[in-house]
Amino acid sequence: GRCAQPCRQKYKIGNGKNIYEGYIMSPKDLCTAQNIDSLIRSGVKSLKVEGRMKRPEYV
């Protein structure tokens, strides 16, 4: 199968005048490790660590 991760999907972004279509995310964009302190301060009580059963190429 095809990869279903958000970074592999095409997106359209527009501002009313211009529309950009393409692959706009990278796996680094999806990483929230640098935001953990902010998430805790906002009241988050639990986090899910993705990739436990995934191959090294995924994580």
Protein backbone atom coordinates (compact mmCIF):
# COMPACT_ATOMS: atom_id res chain seq x y z
CA GLY A 1 0.00 0.00 0.00
CA ARG A 2 0.61 3.63 -0.26
CA CYS A 3 1.89 5.65 2.69
CA ALA A 4 -1.03 7.31 4.49
CA GLN A 5 0.98 9.73 6.62
CA PRO A 6 0.03 13.44 6.42
CA CYS A 7 3.46 14.39 5.07
CA ARG A 8 2.81 12.24 1.98
CA GLN A 9 -0.50 13.90 1.10
CA LYS A 10 -1.10 16.78 -1.29
CA TYR A 11 -2.74 19.87 0.19
CA LYS A 12 -4.22 23.06 -1.22
CA ILE A 13 -3.59 26.34 0.57
CA GLY A 14 -5.10 29.61 -0.54
CA ASN A 15 -5.45 33.18 0.62
CA GLY A 16 -8.28 34.25 -1.68
CA LYS A 17 -5.97 35.28 -4.52
CA ASN A 18 -3.36 32.56 -4.84
CA ILE A 19 -3.68 28.82 -4.40
CA TYR A 20 -0.72 26.57 -3.78
CA GLU A 21 -1.12 22.84 -4.26
CA GLY A 22 1.51 20.29 -3.40
CA TYR A 23 3.40 18.47 -0.71
CA ILE A 24 3.80 21.08 2.01
CA MET A 25 4.64 19.04 5.10
CA SER A 26 7.70 17.15 6.13
CA PRO A 27 8.05 14.70 9.03
CA LYS A 28 9.86 17.46 10.94
CA ASP A 29 6.72 19.62 10.69
CA LEU A 30 4.76 16.92 12.49
CA CYS A 31 7.21 16.56 15.38
CA THR A 32 5.95 18.20 18.58
CA ALA A 33 8.84 17.21 20.86
CA GLN A 34 9.96 20.83 21.19
CA ASN A 35 6.43 21.78 22.34
CA ILE A 36 6.00 19.30 25.20
CA ASP A 37 6.39 21.95 27.94
CA SER A 38 3.76 24.13 26.26
CA LEU A 39 1.40 21.17 25.91
CA ILE A 40 1.76 20.32 29.61
CA ARG A 41 1.09 23.94 30.62
CA SER A 42 -2.04 23.93 28.45
CA GLY A 43 -3.49 21.06 30.49
CA VAL A 44 -2.66 18.03 28.38
CA LYS A 45 -2.66 14.98 30.66
CA SER A 46 -1.38 12.30 28.32
CA LEU A 47 0.60 11.93 25.11
CA LYS A 48 0.60 9.17 22.52
CA VAL A 49 4.01 8.17 21.21
CA GLU A 50 3.52 7.12 17.62
CA GLY A 51 5.60 4.41 16.04
CA ARG A 52 5.81 1.68 18.67
CA MET A 53 5.04 -1.05 16.15
CA LYS A 54 6.53 0.68 13.11
CA ARG A 55 9.67 0.03 11.10
CA PRO A 56 12.73 2.30 11.58
CA GLU A 57 11.98 4.04 8.26
CA TYR A 58 8.66 5.24 9.70
CA VAL A 59 10.00 6.72 12.89
